[in-house]
Amino acid sequence: MADEKREALAPVAEEASACQKCPLAETRTLVVFGEGNPDSPLLIVGEGPGEREDLTGRPFVGRAGALLDECLAENRITRKHVYITNIVKCRACSSENSRKRNRPPSTAETNACRPYLDRQLEIIRPRVVLCLGSPSANALIHTNFRIMQERGRFFEVPFADYAIAALHPAYILRQGGQAFRDVRATLVADIGAARLKVVEIRKAEAKTLF
């Protein structure tokens, strides 16, 4: 099944690699489509690629990615166990003093890229989607998502059994001292909750077979 899904994703990734639907195409280095196990029941969705991702074409490979890997590992999960992507496949950035800086993607940029994410969801058919940060949760769970109040809760969604939101690793890295430790712990816990929800779904399905 994983091979079939990879084959189905390949033309979508190829189309995305040549996309010219929004101005981000003019400044990107590489399209960051997504990577991991397309047959995974757990799909992780962030907001968009940063500088390192733009250069490598891989999602979450900078400092935020290293933190995500750590928190996944604490739940006995590696990248080969999940599929990771973003709402926007190209880096959104602005130039300040001849240097590019990350910025939030605009609504028009997000809307232009949304069909690629929708097709990923249709092909992968995850059981649980973990949204990292409020932009992802706003796009996939509901608008005006309150990340501090609603993270860690499960929501029924049309493209999976459930979706849950967690704080974005980049936000966590901006905290210091005890605040960093506290919010990092919430990411570990939310990943763990998503993993346990997958286990619950599978156990419930197994019971219905007998």
N, C-alpha and C. Protein backbone atom coordinates (compact mmCIF):
# COMPACT_ATOMS: atom_id res chain seq x y z
N MET A 1 0.82 -1.21 0.00
CA MET A 1 0.00 0.00 0.00
C MET A 1 0.86 1.27 0.00
N ALA A 2 1.97 1.23 0.76
CA ALA A 2 2.84 2.41 0.81
C ALA A 2 3.40 2.73 -0.57
N ASP A 3 3.78 1.69 -1.33
CA ASP A 3 4.32 1.92 -2.67
C ASP A 3 3.26 2.52 -3.59
N GLU A 4 2.03 2.05 -3.44
CA GLU A 4 0.94 2.59 -4.26
C GLU A 4 0.71 4.06 -3.95
N LYS A 5 0.78 4.39 -2.68
CA LYS A 5 0.58 5.79 -2.29
C LYS A 5 1.74 6.66 -2.75
N ARG A 6 2.96 6.14 -2.70
CA ARG A 6 4.10 6.90 -3.21
C ARG A 6 3.94 7.17 -4.70
N GLU A 7 3.48 6.17 -5.43
CA GLU A 7 3.26 6.35 -6.87
C GLU A 7 2.17 7.39 -7.13
N ALA A 8 1.15 7.39 -6.29
CA ALA A 8 0.07 8.36 -6.46
C ALA A 8 0.52 9.77 -6.10
N LEU A 9 1.44 9.88 -5.13
CA LEU A 9 1.93 11.20 -4.71
C LEU A 9 2.93 11.77 -5.69
N ALA A 10 3.64 10.91 -6.42
CA ALA A 10 4.72 11.37 -7.29
C ALA A 10 4.29 12.43 -8.30
N PRO A 11 3.18 12.23 -9.05
CA PRO A 11 2.80 13.27 -10.01
C PRO A 11 2.34 14.56 -9.33
N VAL A 12 1.80 14.46 -8.12
CA VAL A 12 1.40 15.66 -7.39
C VAL A 12 2.64 16.44 -6.99
N ALA A 13 3.67 15.72 -6.52
CA ALA A 13 4.92 16.37 -6.16
C ALA A 13 5.59 17.00 -7.37
N GLU A 14 5.52 16.32 -8.49
CA GLU A 14 6.11 16.87 -9.72
C GLU A 14 5.39 18.13 -10.15
N GLU A 15 4.08 18.12 -10.06
CA GLU A 15 3.31 19.32 -10.40
C GLU A 15 3.66 20.47 -9.48
N ALA A 16 3.77 20.16 -8.17
CA ALA A 16 4.10 21.20 -7.19
C ALA A 16 5.49 21.78 -7.44
N SER A 17 6.42 20.94 -7.89
CA SER A 17 7.80 21.39 -8.09
C SER A 17 7.91 22.46 -9.18
N ALA A 18 6.92 22.51 -10.06
CA ALA A 18 6.93 23.50 -11.14
C ALA A 18 5.84 24.55 -10.97
N CYS A 19 5.24 24.60 -9.79
CA CYS A 19 4.09 25.47 -9.56
C CYS A 19 4.48 26.95 -9.69
N GLN A 20 3.60 27.70 -10.34
CA GLN A 20 3.78 29.15 -10.50
C GLN A 20 2.50 29.89 -10.09
N LYS A 21 1.73 29.30 -9.19
CA LYS A 21 0.42 29.85 -8.85
C LYS A 21 0.46 31.09 -7.97
N CYS A 22 1.60 31.33 -7.32
CA CYS A 22 1.67 32.52 -6.45
C CYS A 22 3.09 33.08 -6.48
N PRO A 23 3.31 34.27 -5.95
CA PRO A 23 4.62 34.91 -6.01
C PRO A 23 5.74 34.16 -5.28
N LEU A 24 5.41 33.20 -4.41
CA LEU A 24 6.46 32.47 -3.72
C LEU A 24 7.36 31.70 -4.69
N ALA A 25 6.83 31.40 -5.87
CA ALA A 25 7.62 30.70 -6.88
C ALA A 25 8.83 31.53 -7.32
N GLU A 26 8.73 32.86 -7.20
CA GLU A 26 9.80 33.73 -7.67
C GLU A 26 10.99 33.77 -6.72
N THR A 27 10.77 33.43 -5.45
CA THR A 27 11.84 33.55 -4.46
C THR A 27 12.30 32.21 -3.89
N ARG A 28 11.58 31.13 -4.18
CA ARG A 28 11.95 29.84 -3.60
C ARG A 28 13.22 29.29 -4.25
N THR A 29 13.89 28.41 -3.50
CA THR A 29 14.98 27.62 -4.06
C THR A 29 14.44 26.26 -4.47
N LEU A 30 13.78 25.58 -3.53
CA LEU A 30 13.18 24.28 -3.80
C LEU A 30 11.78 24.22 -3.20
N VAL A 31 10.90 23.51 -3.85
CA VAL A 31 9.58 23.21 -3.29
C VAL A 31 9.76 22.13 -2.23
N VAL A 32 9.11 22.31 -1.09
CA VAL A 32 9.19 21.33 0.00
C VAL A 32 7.84 20.62 0.05
N PHE A 33 7.74 19.52 -0.65
CA PHE A 33 6.45 18.85 -0.81
C PHE A 33 6.06 18.06 0.43
N GLY A 34 6.98 17.29 0.98
CA GLY A 34 6.69 16.45 2.13
C GLY A 34 7.51 15.18 2.05
N GLU A 35 7.63 14.47 3.18
CA GLU A 35 8.39 13.23 3.17
C GLU A 35 7.94 12.34 4.31
N GLY A 36 8.34 11.07 4.22
CA GLY A 36 8.01 10.12 5.27
C GLY A 36 7.28 8.92 4.71
N ASN A 37 6.53 8.27 5.57
CA ASN A 37 5.79 7.06 5.22
C ASN A 37 4.37 7.44 4.82
N PRO A 38 4.03 7.35 3.53
CA PRO A 38 2.69 7.75 3.10
C PRO A 38 1.60 6.78 3.57
N ASP A 39 2.00 5.64 4.10
CA ASP A 39 1.03 4.69 4.62
C ASP A 39 0.84 4.84 6.13
N SER A 40 1.47 5.87 6.69
CA SER A 40 1.36 6.10 8.13
C SER A 40 -0.04 6.56 8.51
N PRO A 41 -0.54 6.13 9.66
CA PRO A 41 -1.83 6.63 10.13
C PRO A 41 -1.73 8.03 10.74
N LEU A 42 -0.48 8.52 10.92
CA LEU A 42 -0.28 9.83 11.54
C LEU A 42 0.40 10.78 10.55
N LEU A 43 -0.28 11.88 10.26
CA LEU A 43 0.24 12.91 9.36
C LEU A 43 0.48 14.18 10.17
N ILE A 44 1.68 14.75 10.02
CA ILE A 44 2.05 15.97 10.73
C ILE A 44 2.09 17.12 9.73
N VAL A 45 1.42 18.21 10.05
CA VAL A 45 1.32 19.35 9.13
C VAL A 45 1.75 20.64 9.82
N GLY A 46 2.79 21.28 9.29
CA GLY A 46 3.23 22.57 9.79
C GLY A 46 2.73 23.70 8.91
N GLU A 47 3.31 24.88 9.10
CA GLU A 47 2.86 26.04 8.32
C GLU A 47 3.56 26.14 6.98
N GLY A 48 4.88 26.16 6.98
CA GLY A 48 5.62 26.30 5.73
C GLY A 48 7.10 26.16 5.96
N PRO A 49 7.87 25.97 4.90
CA PRO A 49 9.31 25.79 5.03
C PRO A 49 10.05 27.06 5.40
N GLY A 50 11.18 26.89 6.08
CA GLY A 50 12.07 28.00 6.40
C GLY A 50 13.30 27.96 5.51
N GLU A 51 14.34 28.62 5.94
CA GLU A 51 15.55 28.73 5.11
C GLU A 51 16.19 27.38 4.82
N ARG A 52 16.39 26.56 5.86
CA ARG A 52 17.04 25.27 5.66
C ARG A 52 16.19 24.35 4.80
N GLU A 53 14.90 24.40 5.02
CA GLU A 53 13.98 23.58 4.23
C GLU A 53 13.99 24.00 2.77
N ASP A 54 14.03 25.30 2.54
CA ASP A 54 14.06 25.84 1.18
C ASP A 54 15.30 25.38 0.43
N LEU A 55 16.41 25.24 1.14
CA LEU A 55 17.67 24.86 0.52
C LEU A 55 17.76 23.36 0.27
N THR A 56 17.10 22.57 1.12
CA THR A 56 17.22 21.11 1.03
C THR A 56 16.03 20.44 0.37
N GLY A 57 14.88 21.13 0.35
CA GLY A 57 13.67 20.51 -0.18
C GLY A 57 13.02 19.53 0.77
N ARG A 58 13.43 19.56 2.05
CA ARG A 58 12.88 18.64 3.06
C ARG A 58 12.21 19.43 4.17
N PRO A 59 11.10 18.93 4.71
CA PRO A 59 10.40 19.64 5.79
C PRO A 59 11.07 19.45 7.15
N PHE A 60 11.05 20.49 7.95
CA PHE A 60 11.52 20.42 9.34
C PHE A 60 12.92 19.84 9.46
N VAL A 61 13.90 20.53 8.87
CA VAL A 61 15.29 20.09 8.99
C VAL A 61 16.18 21.11 9.72
N GLY A 62 15.62 22.23 10.12
CA GLY A 62 16.38 23.22 10.88
C GLY A 62 16.30 22.94 12.36
N ARG A 63 16.46 23.97 13.16
CA ARG A 63 16.41 23.82 14.62
C ARG A 63 15.05 23.32 15.07
N ALA A 64 14.00 23.85 14.45
CA ALA A 64 12.64 23.39 14.80
C ALA A 64 12.47 21.91 14.47
N GLY A 65 13.07 21.49 13.36
CA GLY A 65 12.99 20.09 12.98
C GLY A 65 13.73 19.19 13.96
N ALA A 66 14.88 19.66 14.44
CA ALA A 66 15.63 18.88 15.43
C ALA A 66 14.82 18.71 16.71
N LEU A 67 14.14 19.77 17.12
CA LEU A 67 13.30 19.67 18.32
C LEU A 67 12.13 18.73 18.07
N LEU A 68 11.53 18.82 16.90
CA LEU A 68 10.43 17.90 16.57
C LEU A 68 10.91 16.46 16.63
N ASP A 69 12.08 16.18 16.07
CA ASP A 69 12.63 14.82 16.09
C ASP A 69 12.83 14.34 17.53
N GLU A 70 13.32 15.22 18.40
CA GLU A 70 13.52 14.85 19.80
C GLU A 70 12.20 14.46 20.46
N CYS A 71 11.19 15.29 20.22
CA CYS A 71 9.89 15.04 20.85
C CYS A 71 9.21 13.80 20.28
N LEU A 72 9.41 13.54 18.99
CA LEU A 72 8.91 12.30 18.40
C LEU A 72 9.60 11.11 19.04
N ALA A 73 10.93 11.21 19.20
CA ALA A 73 11.71 10.10 19.76
C ALA A 73 11.27 9.77 21.18
N GLU A 74 10.88 10.79 21.94
CA GLU A 74 10.43 10.54 23.31
C GLU A 74 9.11 9.77 23.33
N ASN A 75 8.46 9.71 22.18
CA ASN A 75 7.24 8.90 22.04
C ASN A 75 7.52 7.64 21.20
N ARG A 76 8.80 7.31 21.05
CA ARG A 76 9.22 6.12 20.30
C ARG A 76 8.75 6.19 18.84
N ILE A 77 8.81 7.39 18.26
CA ILE A 77 8.44 7.61 16.88
C ILE A 77 9.64 8.21 16.14
N THR A 78 9.88 7.76 14.92
CA THR A 78 10.89 8.36 14.06
C THR A 78 10.20 8.87 12.80
N ARG A 79 10.94 9.55 11.96
CA ARG A 79 10.36 10.08 10.73
C ARG A 79 9.87 8.99 9.79
N LYS A 80 10.44 7.80 9.89
CA LYS A 80 9.98 6.73 9.01
C LYS A 80 8.60 6.21 9.42
N HIS A 81 8.14 6.61 10.62
CA HIS A 81 6.83 6.17 11.10
C HIS A 81 5.71 7.13 10.72
N VAL A 82 6.04 8.34 10.27
CA VAL A 82 5.02 9.36 10.02
C VAL A 82 5.25 9.99 8.64
N TYR A 83 4.29 10.79 8.21
CA TYR A 83 4.46 11.62 7.01
C TYR A 83 4.39 13.07 7.47
N ILE A 84 5.34 13.89 6.99
CA ILE A 84 5.42 15.28 7.42
C ILE A 84 5.32 16.21 6.21
N THR A 85 4.48 17.22 6.32
CA THR A 85 4.34 18.20 5.25
C THR A 85 3.96 19.55 5.85
N ASN A 86 3.67 20.51 5.00
CA ASN A 86 3.26 21.84 5.43
C ASN A 86 2.06 22.30 4.61
N ILE A 87 1.38 23.32 5.11
CA ILE A 87 0.27 23.90 4.37
C ILE A 87 0.78 24.55 3.08
N VAL A 88 1.87 25.30 3.21
CA VAL A 88 2.48 25.98 2.06
C VAL A 88 3.78 25.27 1.73
N LYS A 89 4.01 24.98 0.47
CA LYS A 89 5.15 24.18 0.05
C LYS A 89 6.39 25.00 -0.30
N CYS A 90 6.27 26.30 -0.38
CA CYS A 90 7.41 27.18 -0.68
C CYS A 90 7.65 28.14 0.48
N ARG A 91 8.88 28.54 0.66
CA ARG A 91 9.23 29.45 1.75
C ARG A 91 8.62 30.83 1.51
N ALA A 92 7.94 31.33 2.51
CA ALA A 92 7.45 32.71 2.48
C ALA A 92 8.48 33.58 3.19
N CYS A 93 9.02 34.56 2.49
CA CYS A 93 10.06 35.39 3.09
C CYS A 93 9.98 36.81 2.54
N SER A 94 10.61 37.70 3.26
CA SER A 94 10.72 39.09 2.83
C SER A 94 12.18 39.50 2.95
N SER A 95 12.57 40.53 2.20
CA SER A 95 13.97 40.99 2.22
C SER A 95 14.11 42.19 3.13
N GLU A 96 15.04 42.08 4.08
CA GLU A 96 15.36 43.18 4.99
C GLU A 96 16.86 43.35 5.03
N ASN A 97 17.35 44.54 4.61
CA ASN A 97 18.79 44.79 4.59
C ASN A 97 19.53 43.72 3.79
N SER A 98 18.97 43.39 2.63
CA SER A 98 19.57 42.41 1.71
C SER A 98 19.58 41.00 2.27
N ARG A 99 18.80 40.76 3.30
CA ARG A 99 18.72 39.41 3.87
C ARG A 99 17.28 38.94 3.88
N LYS A 100 17.07 37.68 3.51
CA LYS A 100 15.73 37.12 3.51
C LYS A 100 15.34 36.68 4.91
N ARG A 101 14.13 37.04 5.32
CA ARG A 101 13.61 36.63 6.62
C ARG A 101 12.26 35.94 6.43
N ASN A 102 12.04 34.91 7.21
CA ASN A 102 10.76 34.20 7.13
C ASN A 102 9.62 35.12 7.52
N ARG A 103 8.48 34.91 6.90
CA ARG A 103 7.27 35.64 7.23
C ARG A 103 6.09 34.68 7.09
N PRO A 104 4.95 34.98 7.72
CA PRO A 104 3.77 34.13 7.52
C PRO A 104 3.29 34.22 6.08
N PRO A 105 2.87 33.12 5.48
CA PRO A 105 2.31 33.18 4.13
C PRO A 105 0.99 33.94 4.14
N SER A 106 0.70 34.62 3.06
CA SER A 106 -0.55 35.36 2.95
C SER A 106 -1.70 34.39 2.71
N THR A 107 -2.92 34.90 2.86
CA THR A 107 -4.10 34.08 2.60
C THR A 107 -4.12 33.62 1.14
N ALA A 108 -3.75 34.51 0.23
CA ALA A 108 -3.73 34.15 -1.20
C ALA A 108 -2.71 33.06 -1.47
N GLU A 109 -1.54 33.14 -0.83
CA GLU A 109 -0.51 32.12 -1.01
C GLU A 109 -0.96 30.78 -0.44
N THR A 110 -1.59 30.82 0.72
CA THR A 110 -2.09 29.60 1.33
C THR A 110 -3.18 28.96 0.47
N ASN A 111 -4.08 29.79 -0.04
CA ASN A 111 -5.16 29.26 -0.88
C ASN A 111 -4.63 28.66 -2.18
N ALA A 112 -3.60 29.28 -2.74
CA ALA A 112 -3.02 28.77 -3.99
C ALA A 112 -2.39 27.40 -3.79
N CYS A 113 -1.84 27.17 -2.59
CA CYS A 113 -1.14 25.92 -2.31
C CYS A 113 -2.07 24.83 -1.75
N ARG A 114 -3.24 25.20 -1.30
CA ARG A 114 -4.12 24.26 -0.62
C ARG A 114 -4.46 23.01 -1.44
N PRO A 115 -4.65 23.10 -2.76
CA PRO A 115 -4.96 21.88 -3.52
C PRO A 115 -3.91 20.78 -3.38
N TYR A 116 -2.65 21.15 -3.23
CA TYR A 116 -1.61 20.13 -3.06
C TYR A 116 -1.79 19.40 -1.73
N LEU A 117 -2.08 20.15 -0.68
CA LEU A 117 -2.31 19.52 0.62
C LEU A 117 -3.55 18.64 0.58
N ASP A 118 -4.60 19.13 -0.06
CA ASP A 118 -5.83 18.33 -0.15
C ASP A 118 -5.57 17.00 -0.87
N ARG A 119 -4.76 17.04 -1.91
CA ARG A 119 -4.47 15.80 -2.63
C ARG A 119 -3.59 14.87 -1.79
N GLN A 120 -2.69 15.44 -1.00
CA GLN A 120 -1.90 14.60 -0.09
C GLN A 120 -2.81 13.90 0.91
N LEU A 121 -3.75 14.64 1.46
CA LEU A 121 -4.68 14.07 2.43
C LEU A 121 -5.53 12.97 1.79
N GLU A 122 -5.97 13.19 0.56
CA GLU A 122 -6.80 12.21 -0.14
C GLU A 122 -6.03 10.92 -0.40
N ILE A 123 -4.77 11.04 -0.73
CA ILE A 123 -3.95 9.86 -1.06
C ILE A 123 -3.49 9.13 0.20
N ILE A 124 -3.00 9.87 1.17
CA ILE A 124 -2.45 9.25 2.38
C ILE A 124 -3.56 8.70 3.27
N ARG A 125 -4.67 9.40 3.34
CA ARG A 125 -5.82 8.99 4.17
C ARG A 125 -5.39 8.69 5.62
N PRO A 126 -4.83 9.67 6.30
CA PRO A 126 -4.38 9.45 7.68
C PRO A 126 -5.54 9.23 8.63
N ARG A 127 -5.27 8.56 9.71
CA ARG A 127 -6.29 8.39 10.75
C ARG A 127 -6.30 9.59 11.69
N VAL A 128 -5.10 10.11 11.97
CA VAL A 128 -4.96 11.27 12.86
C VAL A 128 -4.02 12.28 12.20
N VAL A 129 -4.41 13.55 12.23
CA VAL A 129 -3.57 14.64 11.74
C VAL A 129 -3.12 15.49 12.93
N LEU A 130 -1.82 15.70 13.03
CA LEU A 130 -1.27 16.56 14.08
C LEU A 130 -0.87 17.89 13.45
N CYS A 131 -1.58 18.96 13.82
CA CYS A 131 -1.30 20.30 13.31
C CYS A 131 -0.29 20.99 14.21
N LEU A 132 0.80 21.46 13.65
CA LEU A 132 1.81 22.17 14.43
C LEU A 132 1.62 23.67 14.24
N GLY A 133 1.14 24.33 15.28
CA GLY A 133 0.93 25.76 15.23
C GLY A 133 -0.48 26.15 14.81
N SER A 134 -0.84 27.39 15.13
CA SER A 134 -2.20 27.86 14.85
C SER A 134 -2.51 28.00 13.36
N PRO A 135 -1.57 28.39 12.48
CA PRO A 135 -1.93 28.48 11.06
C PRO A 135 -2.39 27.13 10.50
N SER A 136 -1.70 26.07 10.86
CA SER A 136 -2.10 24.74 10.41
C SER A 136 -3.46 24.37 10.99
N ALA A 137 -3.65 24.64 12.28
CA ALA A 137 -4.92 24.32 12.92
C ALA A 137 -6.06 25.15 12.34
N ASN A 138 -5.79 26.42 12.03
CA ASN A 138 -6.80 27.27 11.40
C ASN A 138 -7.23 26.72 10.05
N ALA A 139 -6.28 26.17 9.31
CA ALA A 139 -6.59 25.66 7.97
C ALA A 139 -7.28 24.31 8.00
N LEU A 140 -6.94 23.48 8.99
CA LEU A 140 -7.40 22.10 8.96
C LEU A 140 -8.44 21.73 10.03
N ILE A 141 -8.50 22.50 11.11
CA ILE A 141 -9.46 22.17 12.17
C ILE A 141 -10.63 23.14 12.15
N HIS A 142 -10.38 24.39 12.45
CA HIS A 142 -11.41 25.42 12.30
C HIS A 142 -10.76 26.79 12.34
N THR A 143 -11.43 27.77 11.76
CA THR A 143 -10.89 29.13 11.74
C THR A 143 -10.88 29.72 13.15
N ASN A 144 -10.03 30.72 13.33
CA ASN A 144 -9.88 31.38 14.62
C ASN A 144 -9.51 30.39 15.73
N PHE A 145 -8.68 29.41 15.37
CA PHE A 145 -8.26 28.41 16.34
C PHE A 145 -7.40 29.07 17.43
N ARG A 146 -7.72 28.78 18.67
CA ARG A 146 -7.00 29.34 19.81
C ARG A 146 -6.00 28.29 20.29
N ILE A 147 -4.76 28.42 19.84
CA ILE A 147 -3.79 27.36 20.04
C ILE A 147 -3.51 27.11 21.52
N MET A 148 -3.47 28.15 22.34
CA MET A 148 -3.16 27.96 23.76
C MET A 148 -4.32 27.29 24.50
N GLN A 149 -5.53 27.57 24.08
CA GLN A 149 -6.70 27.01 24.76
C GLN A 149 -7.14 25.67 24.17
N GLU A 150 -6.92 25.47 22.87
CA GLU A 150 -7.50 24.31 22.20
C GLU A 150 -6.49 23.23 21.81
N ARG A 151 -5.19 23.49 22.00
CA ARG A 151 -4.20 22.45 21.69
C ARG A 151 -4.43 21.26 22.63
N GLY A 152 -4.12 20.09 22.12
CA GLY A 152 -4.27 18.89 22.93
C GLY A 152 -5.65 18.28 22.90
N ARG A 153 -6.60 18.95 22.23
CA ARG A 153 -7.96 18.42 22.10
C ARG A 153 -8.15 17.78 20.73
N PHE A 154 -8.98 16.75 20.68
CA PHE A 154 -9.25 16.09 19.40
C PHE A 154 -10.52 16.65 18.77
N PHE A 155 -10.44 16.82 17.45
CA PHE A 155 -11.57 17.33 16.68
C PHE A 155 -11.85 16.36 15.54
N GLU A 156 -13.13 16.13 15.28
CA GLU A 156 -13.49 15.32 14.11
C GLU A 156 -13.37 16.18 12.86
N VAL A 157 -12.75 15.62 11.84
CA VAL A 157 -12.51 16.35 10.59
C VAL A 157 -12.85 15.44 9.41
N PRO A 158 -13.14 16.01 8.25
CA PRO A 158 -13.57 15.19 7.11
C PRO A 158 -12.47 14.38 6.45
N PHE A 159 -11.21 14.76 6.63
CA PHE A 159 -10.11 14.12 5.90
C PHE A 159 -9.35 13.09 6.76
N ALA A 160 -9.79 12.88 8.00
CA ALA A 160 -9.18 11.91 8.90
C ALA A 160 -10.20 11.59 9.99
N ASP A 161 -9.87 10.63 10.83
CA ASP A 161 -10.76 10.36 11.96
C ASP A 161 -10.75 11.53 12.94
N TYR A 162 -9.52 12.01 13.22
CA TYR A 162 -9.37 13.11 14.17
C TYR A 162 -8.19 13.99 13.79
N ALA A 163 -8.25 15.23 14.27
CA ALA A 163 -7.10 16.13 14.19
C ALA A 163 -6.86 16.72 15.57
N ILE A 164 -5.60 16.98 15.86
CA ILE A 164 -5.20 17.57 17.13
C ILE A 164 -4.12 18.60 16.84
N ALA A 165 -4.07 19.65 17.61
CA ALA A 165 -3.06 20.69 17.39
C ALA A 165 -2.07 20.72 18.54
N ALA A 166 -0.83 21.09 18.21
CA ALA A 166 0.23 21.26 19.20
C ALA A 166 0.97 22.56 18.90
N LEU A 167 1.71 23.04 19.88
CA LEU A 167 2.51 24.24 19.66
C LEU A 167 3.61 23.94 18.64
N HIS A 168 3.89 24.93 17.80
CA HIS A 168 4.92 24.74 16.77
C HIS A 168 6.30 24.73 17.43
N PRO A 169 7.18 23.83 16.99
CA PRO A 169 8.53 23.80 17.57
C PRO A 169 9.27 25.14 17.49
N ALA A 170 9.04 25.91 16.43
CA ALA A 170 9.70 27.22 16.31
C ALA A 170 9.27 28.15 17.44
N TYR A 171 8.00 28.10 17.82
CA TYR A 171 7.52 28.91 18.94
C TYR A 171 8.18 28.45 20.24
N ILE A 172 8.28 27.16 20.42
CA ILE A 172 8.87 26.61 21.64
C ILE A 172 10.32 27.07 21.78
N LEU A 173 11.05 27.10 20.67
CA LEU A 173 12.45 27.50 20.70
C LEU A 173 12.64 28.96 21.09
N ARG A 174 11.60 29.76 20.94
CA ARG A 174 11.71 31.18 21.31
C ARG A 174 11.52 31.40 22.79
N GLN A 175 11.16 30.36 23.53
CA GLN A 175 10.97 30.48 24.98
C GLN A 175 12.29 30.17 25.69
N GLY A 176 12.36 30.58 26.93
CA GLY A 176 13.58 30.35 27.70
C GLY A 176 13.29 29.78 29.08
N GLY A 177 14.30 29.13 29.66
CA GLY A 177 14.18 28.64 31.02
C GLY A 177 13.04 27.68 31.22
N GLN A 178 12.30 27.90 32.33
CA GLN A 178 11.20 27.02 32.67
C GLN A 178 10.07 27.07 31.63
N ALA A 179 9.88 28.25 31.04
CA ALA A 179 8.83 28.37 30.01
C ALA A 179 9.13 27.43 28.84
N PHE A 180 10.41 27.35 28.45
CA PHE A 180 10.79 26.43 27.38
C PHE A 180 10.48 25.00 27.78
N ARG A 181 10.86 24.62 28.98
CA ARG A 181 10.63 23.24 29.42
C ARG A 181 9.15 22.92 29.49
N ASP A 182 8.37 23.89 29.91
CA ASP A 182 6.92 23.66 30.04
C ASP A 182 6.26 23.46 28.68
N VAL A 183 6.56 24.34 27.73
CA VAL A 183 5.89 24.24 26.43
C VAL A 183 6.45 23.07 25.62
N ARG A 184 7.71 22.75 25.82
CA ARG A 184 8.28 21.56 25.16
C ARG A 184 7.55 20.31 25.64
N ALA A 185 7.25 20.27 26.92
CA ALA A 185 6.53 19.12 27.48
C ALA A 185 5.14 18.96 26.85
N THR A 186 4.51 20.10 26.50
CA THR A 186 3.18 19.99 25.87
C THR A 186 3.29 19.36 24.48
N LEU A 187 4.38 19.66 23.75
CA LEU A 187 4.55 19.05 22.43
C LEU A 187 4.76 17.55 22.55
N VAL A 188 5.57 17.14 23.51
CA VAL A 188 5.77 15.71 23.75
C VAL A 188 4.43 15.04 24.08
N ALA A 189 3.67 15.70 24.95
CA ALA A 189 2.38 15.14 25.37
C ALA A 189 1.39 15.07 24.22
N ASP A 190 1.35 16.10 23.37
CA ASP A 190 0.39 16.11 22.27
C ASP A 190 0.75 15.08 21.21
N ILE A 191 2.03 14.90 20.96
CA ILE A 191 2.46 13.83 20.05
C ILE A 191 2.06 12.47 20.63
N GLY A 192 2.26 12.32 21.93
CA GLY A 192 1.88 11.08 22.58
C GLY A 192 0.38 10.83 22.51
N ALA A 193 -0.41 11.88 22.66
CA ALA A 193 -1.86 11.73 22.57
C ALA A 193 -2.28 11.31 21.17
N ALA A 194 -1.64 11.90 20.16
CA ALA A 194 -1.94 11.52 18.78
C ALA A 194 -1.59 10.06 18.52
N ARG A 195 -0.46 9.63 19.03
CA ARG A 195 -0.05 8.23 18.88
C ARG A 195 -1.04 7.29 19.55
N LEU A 196 -1.45 7.63 20.77
CA LEU A 196 -2.40 6.78 21.49
C LEU A 196 -3.76 6.74 20.80
N LYS A 197 -4.15 7.85 20.18
CA LYS A 197 -5.44 7.88 19.46
C LYS A 197 -5.40 6.92 18.28
N VAL A 198 -4.27 6.85 17.59
CA VAL A 198 -4.12 5.88 16.50
C VAL A 198 -4.28 4.45 17.04
N VAL A 199 -3.64 4.19 18.17
CA VAL A 199 -3.74 2.86 18.78
C VAL A 199 -5.19 2.55 19.14
N GLU A 200 -5.90 3.51 19.70
CA GLU A 200 -7.31 3.32 20.07
C GLU A 200 -8.16 3.00 18.84
N ILE A 201 -7.94 3.73 17.76
CA ILE A 201 -8.71 3.52 16.53
C ILE A 201 -8.48 2.10 16.02
N ARG A 202 -7.23 1.68 16.01
CA ARG A 202 -6.91 0.36 15.49
C ARG A 202 -7.49 -0.74 16.38
N LYS A 203 -7.46 -0.55 17.68
CA LYS A 203 -8.03 -1.54 18.59
C LYS A 203 -9.54 -1.65 18.39
N ALA A 204 -10.19 -0.52 18.22
CA ALA A 204 -11.64 -0.52 18.02
C ALA A 204 -12.01 -1.22 16.72
N GLU A 205 -11.21 -1.01 15.69
CA GLU A 205 -11.47 -1.68 14.40
C GLU A 205 -11.26 -3.19 14.51
N ALA A 206 -10.23 -3.58 15.27
CA ALA A 206 -9.95 -5.00 15.43
C ALA A 206 -11.11 -5.72 16.13
N LYS A 207 -11.73 -5.05 17.09
CA LYS A 207 -12.84 -5.65 17.82
C LYS A 207 -14.05 -5.87 16.91
N THR A 208 -14.23 -4.98 15.94
CA THR A 208 -15.42 -5.11 15.07
C THR A 208 -15.27 -6.27 14.09
N LEU A 209 -14.09 -6.86 13.97
CA LEU A 209 -13.87 -7.96 13.03
C LEU A 209 -14.30 -9.31 13.62
N PHE A 210 -14.60 -9.32 14.91
CA PHE A 210 -14.94 -10.60 15.57
C PHE A 210 -16.30 -10.51 16.26
